[in-house]
Every structure is written in C-alpha cells, then in structure tokens.
C-alpha cells in the first residue's frame, strides 16, 4: 500500500484511513453474525477465569506494538522513521525483556 501511494502520488495516511474503513465494514457484519449465532445456537458463555487475565498480562509487551507504531507515526515525520522506531521497540522487547534471540 505504501509503494502504491508513493508511485501514484496518493497520501499514505488517506490510504490507511480508507483501509481502516474497509476493514471495519468487512469485520463488523461477521462479528454481529458470530454473536447472533452464539446467542441463538445455545453456546455456553465461558466462565470468567483469572488465568485468562494472566495471559493478557504475559503478552503486555506484544500488545503495545501497535500503540508504539501509531504514536511513532504521529510523533515522527515519515513512515520510515516510525517503522524504524517500531523495529527497535520489538528488538528490545525480544532481546532484553524476553531474552529470546533466536
């Protein structure tokens, strides 16, 4: 999408906005259908479990990747700089925090 925007001289943020609208317009009906089938099909709701909250806490660094990318996109001038900040964040999380180099 970025390559298309550069070649066609189209605004990259406008392309991302258009992609977000399309993604929501495709995912919202499927989500509504899934909730409808779950409620009418007799599916039992899952009970609350504290262990599931622990899984979210264990993935807190990975869940912050989109936040870092979006704030870097707002704070820096170009997409390349924002991508570089995101790559550095992921590298630090994987090597320093998780100590997983391979």
N, C-alpha and C. Protein backbone atom coordinates (compact mmCIF):
# COMPACT_ATOMS: atom_id res chain seq x y z
N UNK A 1 0.82 -1.17 0.00
CA UNK A 1 0.00 0.00 0.00
C UNK A 1 0.88 1.25 0.00
N UNK A 2 1.98 1.21 0.75
CA UNK A 2 2.86 2.36 0.79
C UNK A 2 3.52 2.57 -0.57
N UNK A 3 3.93 1.49 -1.20
CA UNK A 3 4.54 1.59 -2.53
C UNK A 3 3.55 2.17 -3.53
N UNK A 4 2.30 1.73 -3.46
CA UNK A 4 1.27 2.28 -4.35
C UNK A 4 1.09 3.77 -4.11
N UNK A 5 1.07 4.18 -2.84
CA UNK A 5 0.89 5.59 -2.53
C UNK A 5 2.03 6.44 -3.05
N UNK A 6 3.26 5.92 -2.97
CA UNK A 6 4.41 6.68 -3.46
C UNK A 6 4.38 6.78 -4.98
N UNK A 7 4.10 5.66 -5.65
CA UNK A 7 4.09 5.67 -7.12
C UNK A 7 2.94 6.49 -7.67
N UNK A 8 1.77 6.37 -7.06
CA UNK A 8 0.58 7.06 -7.57
C UNK A 8 0.43 8.47 -7.01
N UNK A 9 1.36 8.91 -6.17
CA UNK A 9 1.30 10.23 -5.55
C UNK A 9 0.00 10.43 -4.79
N UNK A 10 -0.33 9.43 -3.97
CA UNK A 10 -1.53 9.48 -3.14
C UNK A 10 -1.07 9.56 -1.69
N UNK A 11 -1.82 10.27 -0.87
CA UNK A 11 -1.47 10.44 0.53
C UNK A 11 -1.51 9.09 1.26
N UNK A 12 -0.41 8.74 1.92
CA UNK A 12 -0.34 7.47 2.64
C UNK A 12 -1.33 7.44 3.80
N UNK A 13 -1.44 8.49 4.63
CA UNK A 13 -2.45 8.44 5.70
C UNK A 13 -3.88 8.27 5.17
N UNK A 14 -4.17 8.86 3.99
CA UNK A 14 -5.50 8.67 3.41
C UNK A 14 -5.72 7.22 3.00
N UNK A 15 -4.67 6.57 2.51
CA UNK A 15 -4.79 5.16 2.16
C UNK A 15 -5.04 4.31 3.40
N UNK A 16 -4.37 4.62 4.50
CA UNK A 16 -4.59 3.88 5.74
C UNK A 16 -6.00 4.11 6.28
N UNK A 17 -6.48 5.34 6.16
CA UNK A 17 -7.86 5.61 6.60
C UNK A 17 -8.85 4.82 5.76
N UNK A 18 -8.64 4.80 4.47
CA UNK A 18 -9.54 4.05 3.59
C UNK A 18 -9.48 2.56 3.90
N UNK A 19 -8.30 2.04 4.19
CA UNK A 19 -8.17 0.64 4.55
C UNK A 19 -8.84 0.32 5.87
N UNK A 20 -8.79 1.26 6.81
CA UNK A 20 -9.45 1.04 8.11
C UNK A 20 -10.96 0.99 7.95
N UNK A 21 -11.50 1.87 7.13
CA UNK A 21 -12.95 1.87 6.90
C UNK A 21 -13.36 0.56 6.25
N UNK A 22 -12.61 0.11 5.28
CA UNK A 22 -12.94 -1.15 4.61
C UNK A 22 -12.84 -2.34 5.56
N UNK A 23 -11.79 -2.35 6.40
CA UNK A 23 -11.63 -3.45 7.35
C UNK A 23 -12.78 -3.49 8.34
N UNK A 24 -13.21 -2.32 8.83
CA UNK A 24 -14.34 -2.30 9.76
C UNK A 24 -15.63 -2.72 9.07
N UNK A 25 -15.81 -2.27 7.82
CA UNK A 25 -17.05 -2.62 7.12
C UNK A 25 -17.12 -4.10 6.80
N UNK A 26 -15.99 -4.78 6.72
CA UNK A 26 -15.99 -6.23 6.49
C UNK A 26 -16.07 -7.01 7.80
N UNK A 27 -15.43 -6.51 8.85
CA UNK A 27 -15.39 -7.28 10.09
C UNK A 27 -16.63 -7.09 10.95
N UNK A 28 -17.26 -5.94 10.90
CA UNK A 28 -18.44 -5.70 11.75
C UNK A 28 -19.59 -6.67 11.45
N UNK A 29 -19.97 -6.90 10.19
CA UNK A 29 -21.06 -7.85 9.94
C UNK A 29 -20.72 -9.28 10.39
N UNK A 30 -19.48 -9.69 10.20
CA UNK A 30 -19.09 -11.03 10.64
C UNK A 30 -19.12 -11.14 12.17
N UNK A 31 -18.74 -10.08 12.84
CA UNK A 31 -18.79 -10.08 14.30
C UNK A 31 -20.22 -10.16 14.80
N UNK A 32 -21.10 -9.37 14.19
CA UNK A 32 -22.52 -9.39 14.58
C UNK A 32 -23.10 -10.77 14.31
N UNK A 33 -22.78 -11.37 13.18
CA UNK A 33 -23.28 -12.71 12.86
C UNK A 33 -22.77 -13.74 13.86
N UNK A 34 -21.50 -13.65 14.24
CA UNK A 34 -20.94 -14.58 15.21
C UNK A 34 -21.61 -14.46 16.58
N UNK A 35 -21.88 -13.24 17.01
CA UNK A 35 -22.57 -13.05 18.28
C UNK A 35 -23.99 -13.59 18.20
N UNK A 36 -24.66 -13.33 17.09
CA UNK A 36 -26.03 -13.83 16.90
C UNK A 36 -26.07 -15.35 16.94
N UNK A 37 -25.18 -16.00 16.21
CA UNK A 37 -25.16 -17.47 16.18
C UNK A 37 -24.77 -18.04 17.55
N UNK A 38 -23.90 -17.35 18.25
CA UNK A 38 -23.52 -17.81 19.58
C UNK A 38 -24.66 -17.73 20.57
N UNK A 39 -25.46 -16.66 20.47
CA UNK A 39 -26.58 -16.50 21.40
C UNK A 39 -27.75 -17.40 21.06
N UNK A 40 -28.03 -17.58 19.78
CA UNK A 40 -29.19 -18.38 19.38
C UNK A 40 -28.86 -19.86 19.21
N UNK A 41 -27.60 -20.20 19.11
CA UNK A 41 -27.21 -21.59 18.89
C UNK A 41 -27.02 -22.39 20.16
N UNK A 42 -27.23 -21.78 21.29
CA UNK A 42 -27.11 -22.49 22.55
C UNK A 42 -25.69 -22.63 23.05
N UNK A 43 -24.80 -21.81 22.59
CA UNK A 43 -23.42 -21.88 23.06
C UNK A 43 -23.35 -21.37 24.50
N UNK A 44 -22.63 -22.07 25.32
CA UNK A 44 -22.47 -21.66 26.71
C UNK A 44 -21.37 -20.61 26.81
N UNK A 45 -21.65 -19.50 27.48
CA UNK A 45 -20.60 -18.50 27.65
C UNK A 45 -19.50 -19.03 28.56
N UNK A 46 -18.30 -18.65 28.26
CA UNK A 46 -17.16 -19.10 29.06
C UNK A 46 -17.17 -18.38 30.40
N UNK A 47 -16.90 -19.11 31.44
CA UNK A 47 -16.84 -18.52 32.77
C UNK A 47 -15.58 -17.67 32.91
N UNK A 48 -15.67 -16.66 33.75
CA UNK A 48 -14.52 -15.81 33.99
C UNK A 48 -13.42 -16.62 34.67
N UNK A 49 -12.23 -16.42 34.21
CA UNK A 49 -11.10 -17.12 34.79
C UNK A 49 -9.95 -16.14 34.97
N UNK A 50 -9.40 -16.13 36.15
CA UNK A 50 -8.27 -15.25 36.43
C UNK A 50 -7.04 -15.64 35.61
N UNK A 51 -6.96 -16.91 35.23
CA UNK A 51 -5.83 -17.37 34.42
C UNK A 51 -5.81 -16.69 33.06
N UNK A 52 -6.99 -16.40 32.51
CA UNK A 52 -7.05 -15.71 31.22
C UNK A 52 -6.52 -14.29 31.33
N UNK A 53 -6.76 -13.65 32.46
CA UNK A 53 -6.21 -12.32 32.67
C UNK A 53 -4.68 -12.38 32.75
N UNK A 54 -4.17 -13.44 33.30
CA UNK A 54 -2.71 -13.61 33.38
C UNK A 54 -2.09 -13.75 32.00
N UNK A 55 -2.83 -14.37 31.06
CA UNK A 55 -2.32 -14.48 29.69
C UNK A 55 -2.20 -13.11 29.05
N UNK A 56 -3.16 -12.25 29.31
CA UNK A 56 -3.10 -10.89 28.76
C UNK A 56 -1.93 -10.14 29.37
N UNK A 57 -1.74 -10.29 30.66
CA UNK A 57 -0.61 -9.62 31.31
C UNK A 57 0.72 -10.15 30.80
N UNK A 58 0.77 -11.43 30.47
CA UNK A 58 2.01 -12.00 29.95
C UNK A 58 2.33 -11.46 28.56
N UNK A 59 1.31 -11.06 27.82
CA UNK A 59 1.51 -10.55 26.46
C UNK A 59 1.50 -9.02 26.40
N UNK A 60 1.70 -8.37 27.53
CA UNK A 60 1.58 -6.90 27.55
C UNK A 60 2.57 -6.21 26.62
N UNK A 61 3.78 -6.74 26.50
CA UNK A 61 4.76 -6.09 25.63
C UNK A 61 4.38 -6.24 24.16
N UNK A 62 3.82 -7.39 23.78
CA UNK A 62 3.40 -7.59 22.40
C UNK A 62 2.15 -6.77 22.07
N UNK A 63 1.28 -6.60 23.06
CA UNK A 63 0.07 -5.80 22.83
C UNK A 63 0.38 -4.32 22.65
N UNK A 64 1.54 -3.89 23.10
CA UNK A 64 1.92 -2.48 22.95
C UNK A 64 2.53 -2.15 21.59
N UNK A 65 2.81 -3.14 20.78
CA UNK A 65 3.45 -2.88 19.47
C UNK A 65 2.59 -1.95 18.60
N UNK A 66 1.28 -2.18 18.42
CA UNK A 66 0.51 -1.24 17.62
C UNK A 66 0.46 0.16 18.23
N UNK A 67 0.44 0.24 19.55
CA UNK A 67 0.42 1.55 20.21
C UNK A 67 1.72 2.30 19.92
N UNK A 68 2.84 1.61 20.04
CA UNK A 68 4.14 2.24 19.75
C UNK A 68 4.19 2.67 18.28
N UNK A 69 3.70 1.84 17.39
CA UNK A 69 3.73 2.17 15.96
C UNK A 69 2.87 3.40 15.67
N UNK A 70 1.69 3.47 16.26
CA UNK A 70 0.81 4.62 15.99
C UNK A 70 1.35 5.90 16.61
N UNK A 71 1.89 5.82 17.84
CA UNK A 71 2.47 7.02 18.43
C UNK A 71 3.74 7.45 17.69
N UNK A 72 4.51 6.51 17.21
CA UNK A 72 5.69 6.87 16.42
C UNK A 72 5.29 7.52 15.11
N UNK A 73 4.19 7.05 14.54
CA UNK A 73 3.69 7.63 13.29
C UNK A 73 3.24 9.07 13.51
N UNK A 74 2.64 9.33 14.66
CA UNK A 74 2.20 10.69 14.98
C UNK A 74 3.38 11.60 15.35
N UNK A 75 4.38 11.02 16.00
CA UNK A 75 5.47 11.84 16.52
C UNK A 75 6.60 12.13 15.55
N UNK A 76 6.77 11.28 14.55
CA UNK A 76 7.86 11.47 13.60
C UNK A 76 7.31 11.95 12.27
N UNK A 77 8.22 12.41 11.42
CA UNK A 77 7.79 12.99 10.16
C UNK A 77 7.43 11.99 9.09
N UNK A 78 8.10 10.87 9.03
CA UNK A 78 7.87 9.95 7.92
C UNK A 78 7.50 8.56 8.43
N UNK A 79 6.97 7.78 7.52
CA UNK A 79 6.63 6.40 7.83
C UNK A 79 7.88 5.56 8.08
N UNK A 80 8.96 5.90 7.40
CA UNK A 80 10.20 5.16 7.58
C UNK A 80 10.74 5.31 8.99
N UNK A 81 10.69 6.52 9.52
CA UNK A 81 11.17 6.74 10.89
C UNK A 81 10.27 6.03 11.90
N UNK A 82 8.97 6.07 11.67
CA UNK A 82 8.04 5.37 12.57
C UNK A 82 8.27 3.86 12.52
N UNK A 83 8.52 3.34 11.33
CA UNK A 83 8.81 1.90 11.21
C UNK A 83 10.11 1.55 11.91
N UNK A 84 11.10 2.42 11.83
CA UNK A 84 12.37 2.16 12.50
C UNK A 84 12.20 2.15 14.01
N UNK A 85 11.41 3.06 14.55
CA UNK A 85 11.14 3.08 15.99
C UNK A 85 10.43 1.80 16.42
N UNK A 86 9.48 1.34 15.62
CA UNK A 86 8.76 0.11 15.93
C UNK A 86 9.69 -1.09 15.90
N UNK A 87 10.59 -1.14 14.93
CA UNK A 87 11.55 -2.24 14.85
C UNK A 87 12.48 -2.24 16.06
N UNK A 88 12.93 -1.08 16.47
CA UNK A 88 13.80 -1.00 17.64
C UNK A 88 13.05 -1.45 18.89
N UNK A 89 11.79 -1.06 19.03
CA UNK A 89 10.98 -1.49 20.18
C UNK A 89 10.85 -3.01 20.20
N UNK A 90 10.51 -3.61 19.06
CA UNK A 90 10.36 -5.06 19.01
C UNK A 90 11.68 -5.76 19.30
N UNK A 91 12.76 -5.22 18.78
CA UNK A 91 14.09 -5.81 19.04
C UNK A 91 14.42 -5.77 20.53
N UNK A 92 14.17 -4.64 21.17
CA UNK A 92 14.46 -4.52 22.60
C UNK A 92 13.57 -5.46 23.41
N UNK A 93 12.30 -5.56 23.06
CA UNK A 93 11.40 -6.45 23.79
C UNK A 93 11.85 -7.90 23.65
N UNK A 94 12.21 -8.30 22.45
CA UNK A 94 12.59 -9.70 22.22
C UNK A 94 13.95 -10.06 22.82
N UNK A 95 14.90 -9.14 22.78
CA UNK A 95 16.25 -9.48 23.23
C UNK A 95 16.50 -9.14 24.68
N UNK A 96 15.96 -8.04 25.16
CA UNK A 96 16.24 -7.61 26.53
C UNK A 96 15.19 -8.14 27.51
N UNK A 97 13.93 -7.99 27.17
CA UNK A 97 12.87 -8.38 28.10
C UNK A 97 12.61 -9.87 28.07
N UNK A 98 12.39 -10.43 26.86
CA UNK A 98 12.10 -11.86 26.75
C UNK A 98 13.37 -12.72 26.69
N UNK A 99 14.50 -12.08 26.38
CA UNK A 99 15.79 -12.78 26.23
C UNK A 99 15.68 -13.95 25.26
N UNK A 100 15.06 -13.64 24.13
CA UNK A 100 14.87 -14.65 23.09
C UNK A 100 15.52 -14.14 21.81
N UNK A 101 16.70 -14.65 21.50
CA UNK A 101 17.45 -14.17 20.35
C UNK A 101 17.26 -15.05 19.12
N UNK A 102 16.62 -16.15 19.22
CA UNK A 102 16.55 -16.99 18.05
C UNK A 102 15.32 -17.77 18.01
